[in-house]
Amino acid sequence: MEEHTNRCLPLVGTQGDRRKILRRIGENVRRERLRRGLSQERLGFEAALHRKYIGFVERGERSI
């Protein structure tokens, strides 16, 4: 059985680099959510995440 590695962003680069990556991920999540016609609430329900967490991710404030 394969062990899972740490799913967080690696501790490489600067804090600014991490923020840029999180913002880019958030932009992609938002773009795809809108393309599929989903609200943050619906995406949260489908992903078993709170709708506020979806907003945090889309703003680059939290990682997935």
N, C-alpha and C. Protein backbone atom coordinates (compact mmCIF):
# COMPACT_ATOMS: atom_id res chain seq x y z
N MET A 1 0.85 -1.17 0.00
CA MET A 1 0.00 0.00 0.00
C MET A 1 0.90 1.24 0.00
N GLU A 2 0.57 2.19 -0.82
CA GLU A 2 1.37 3.41 -0.94
C GLU A 2 1.05 4.38 0.18
N GLU A 3 2.09 4.92 0.82
CA GLU A 3 1.87 5.90 1.88
C GLU A 3 1.65 7.27 1.28
N HIS A 4 0.77 8.05 1.89
CA HIS A 4 0.53 9.41 1.43
C HIS A 4 1.61 10.32 1.98
N THR A 5 2.07 11.23 1.16
CA THR A 5 3.04 12.21 1.61
C THR A 5 2.30 13.45 2.07
N ASN A 6 3.02 14.38 2.67
CA ASN A 6 2.43 15.62 3.13
C ASN A 6 1.78 16.34 1.95
N ARG A 7 0.53 16.70 2.08
CA ARG A 7 -0.21 17.32 0.98
C ARG A 7 -0.12 18.83 0.99
N CYS A 8 0.56 19.39 1.98
CA CYS A 8 0.73 20.84 2.03
C CYS A 8 1.76 21.27 1.01
N LEU A 9 1.74 22.57 0.69
CA LEU A 9 2.76 23.09 -0.20
C LEU A 9 4.13 22.94 0.45
N PRO A 10 5.12 22.54 -0.32
CA PRO A 10 6.45 22.36 0.27
C PRO A 10 7.02 23.66 0.79
N LEU A 11 7.91 23.54 1.76
CA LEU A 11 8.53 24.70 2.36
C LEU A 11 9.74 25.13 1.53
N VAL A 12 9.50 25.44 0.28
CA VAL A 12 10.53 25.88 -0.64
C VAL A 12 10.13 27.25 -1.16
N GLY A 13 11.10 28.13 -1.33
CA GLY A 13 10.78 29.45 -1.83
C GLY A 13 10.38 30.38 -0.69
N THR A 14 9.88 31.53 -1.07
CA THR A 14 9.53 32.53 -0.07
C THR A 14 8.04 32.47 0.27
N GLN A 15 7.68 33.19 1.31
CA GLN A 15 6.26 33.28 1.68
C GLN A 15 5.47 33.91 0.53
N GLY A 16 6.09 34.86 -0.16
CA GLY A 16 5.44 35.49 -1.31
C GLY A 16 5.16 34.49 -2.42
N ASP A 17 6.10 33.55 -2.63
CA ASP A 17 5.90 32.51 -3.64
C ASP A 17 4.70 31.65 -3.26
N ARG A 18 4.60 31.31 -1.98
CA ARG A 18 3.48 30.49 -1.50
C ARG A 18 2.15 31.21 -1.74
N ARG A 19 2.11 32.51 -1.45
CA ARG A 19 0.88 33.28 -1.66
C ARG A 19 0.49 33.31 -3.14
N LYS A 20 1.48 33.46 -4.01
CA LYS A 20 1.20 33.47 -5.45
C LYS A 20 0.62 32.14 -5.90
N ILE A 21 1.19 31.06 -5.38
CA ILE A 21 0.69 29.73 -5.74
C ILE A 21 -0.74 29.55 -5.24
N LEU A 22 -1.00 29.94 -3.99
CA LEU A 22 -2.35 29.80 -3.44
C LEU A 22 -3.35 30.65 -4.21
N ARG A 23 -2.95 31.85 -4.61
CA ARG A 23 -3.86 32.70 -5.40
C ARG A 23 -4.15 32.06 -6.75
N ARG A 24 -3.12 31.50 -7.38
CA ARG A 24 -3.32 30.86 -8.69
C ARG A 24 -4.25 29.66 -8.56
N ILE A 25 -4.06 28.86 -7.52
CA ILE A 25 -4.95 27.72 -7.29
C ILE A 25 -6.37 28.21 -7.10
N GLY A 26 -6.53 29.26 -6.27
CA GLY A 26 -7.85 29.82 -6.02
C GLY A 26 -8.52 30.34 -7.27
N GLU A 27 -7.74 31.00 -8.12
CA GLU A 27 -8.29 31.50 -9.39
C GLU A 27 -8.79 30.34 -10.24
N ASN A 28 -8.02 29.26 -10.27
CA ASN A 28 -8.42 28.09 -11.05
C ASN A 28 -9.67 27.43 -10.49
N VAL A 29 -9.75 27.34 -9.17
CA VAL A 29 -10.95 26.76 -8.54
C VAL A 29 -12.17 27.61 -8.89
N ARG A 30 -12.04 28.93 -8.75
CA ARG A 30 -13.16 29.83 -9.04
C ARG A 30 -13.58 29.73 -10.51
N ARG A 31 -12.60 29.75 -11.41
CA ARG A 31 -12.90 29.68 -12.84
C ARG A 31 -13.66 28.41 -13.16
N GLU A 32 -13.20 27.29 -12.62
CA GLU A 32 -13.87 26.01 -12.90
C GLU A 32 -15.25 25.95 -12.26
N ARG A 33 -15.36 26.48 -11.05
CA ARG A 33 -16.68 26.51 -10.38
C ARG A 33 -17.69 27.29 -11.21
N LEU A 34 -17.27 28.46 -11.68
CA LEU A 34 -18.17 29.29 -12.48
C LEU A 34 -18.48 28.64 -13.83
N ARG A 35 -17.48 28.01 -14.42
CA ARG A 35 -17.70 27.32 -15.71
C ARG A 35 -18.77 26.24 -15.57
N ARG A 36 -18.78 25.61 -14.43
CA ARG A 36 -19.77 24.55 -14.18
C ARG A 36 -21.09 25.08 -13.64
N GLY A 37 -21.15 26.41 -13.42
CA GLY A 37 -22.39 27.01 -12.96
C GLY A 37 -22.73 26.70 -11.51
N LEU A 38 -21.71 26.51 -10.67
CA LEU A 38 -21.93 26.17 -9.27
C LEU A 38 -21.75 27.39 -8.38
N SER A 39 -22.54 27.47 -7.34
CA SER A 39 -22.32 28.47 -6.30
C SER A 39 -21.24 27.93 -5.35
N GLN A 40 -20.68 28.81 -4.54
CA GLN A 40 -19.73 28.35 -3.53
C GLN A 40 -20.40 27.37 -2.59
N GLU A 41 -21.65 27.63 -2.27
CA GLU A 41 -22.39 26.76 -1.37
C GLU A 41 -22.54 25.36 -1.97
N ARG A 42 -22.90 25.29 -3.26
CA ARG A 42 -23.09 23.99 -3.91
C ARG A 42 -21.77 23.23 -4.04
N LEU A 43 -20.71 23.95 -4.43
CA LEU A 43 -19.40 23.31 -4.52
C LEU A 43 -18.97 22.78 -3.16
N GLY A 44 -19.19 23.58 -2.13
CA GLY A 44 -18.86 23.13 -0.78
C GLY A 44 -19.62 21.88 -0.40
N PHE A 45 -20.90 21.84 -0.74
CA PHE A 45 -21.71 20.66 -0.44
C PHE A 45 -21.16 19.45 -1.18
N GLU A 46 -20.89 19.60 -2.48
CA GLU A 46 -20.40 18.49 -3.29
C GLU A 46 -19.02 18.01 -2.83
N ALA A 47 -18.20 18.93 -2.33
CA ALA A 47 -16.83 18.59 -1.90
C ALA A 47 -16.74 18.30 -0.41
N ALA A 48 -17.87 18.35 0.29
CA ALA A 48 -17.91 18.15 1.74
C ALA A 48 -17.02 19.16 2.46
N LEU A 49 -17.06 20.41 2.00
CA LEU A 49 -16.34 21.52 2.62
C LEU A 49 -17.33 22.64 2.91
N HIS A 50 -17.07 23.43 3.92
CA HIS A 50 -17.94 24.55 4.23
C HIS A 50 -17.83 25.60 3.13
N ARG A 51 -18.94 26.25 2.81
CA ARG A 51 -18.93 27.25 1.73
C ARG A 51 -17.95 28.37 2.01
N LYS A 52 -17.75 28.72 3.29
CA LYS A 52 -16.78 29.77 3.62
C LYS A 52 -15.36 29.32 3.27
N TYR A 53 -15.08 28.03 3.45
CA TYR A 53 -13.75 27.51 3.12
C TYR A 53 -13.49 27.64 1.63
N ILE A 54 -14.52 27.41 0.82
CA ILE A 54 -14.39 27.57 -0.64
C ILE A 54 -13.97 29.02 -0.94
N GLY A 55 -14.59 29.99 -0.28
CA GLY A 55 -14.23 31.39 -0.46
C GLY A 55 -12.79 31.66 -0.06
N PHE A 56 -12.35 31.08 1.05
CA PHE A 56 -10.96 31.24 1.49
C PHE A 56 -10.00 30.70 0.43
N VAL A 57 -10.32 29.54 -0.12
CA VAL A 57 -9.48 28.93 -1.16
C VAL A 57 -9.44 29.82 -2.39
N GLU A 58 -10.60 30.29 -2.83
CA GLU A 58 -10.66 31.12 -4.03
C GLU A 58 -9.90 32.44 -3.87
N ARG A 59 -9.81 32.94 -2.67
CA ARG A 59 -9.06 34.18 -2.41
C ARG A 59 -7.58 33.92 -2.12
N GLY A 60 -7.19 32.66 -2.11
CA GLY A 60 -5.80 32.32 -1.85
C GLY A 60 -5.43 32.41 -0.40
N GLU A 61 -6.41 32.36 0.50
CA GLU A 61 -6.15 32.46 1.93
C GLU A 61 -5.95 31.11 2.59
N ARG A 62 -6.37 30.04 1.91
CA ARG A 62 -6.22 28.68 2.43
C ARG A 62 -5.86 27.76 1.27
N SER A 63 -5.19 26.68 1.62
CA SER A 63 -4.87 25.65 0.65
C SER A 63 -5.93 24.57 0.70
N ILE A 64 -6.01 23.80 -0.34
CA ILE A 64 -7.00 22.72 -0.40
C ILE A 64 -6.44 21.52 0.31
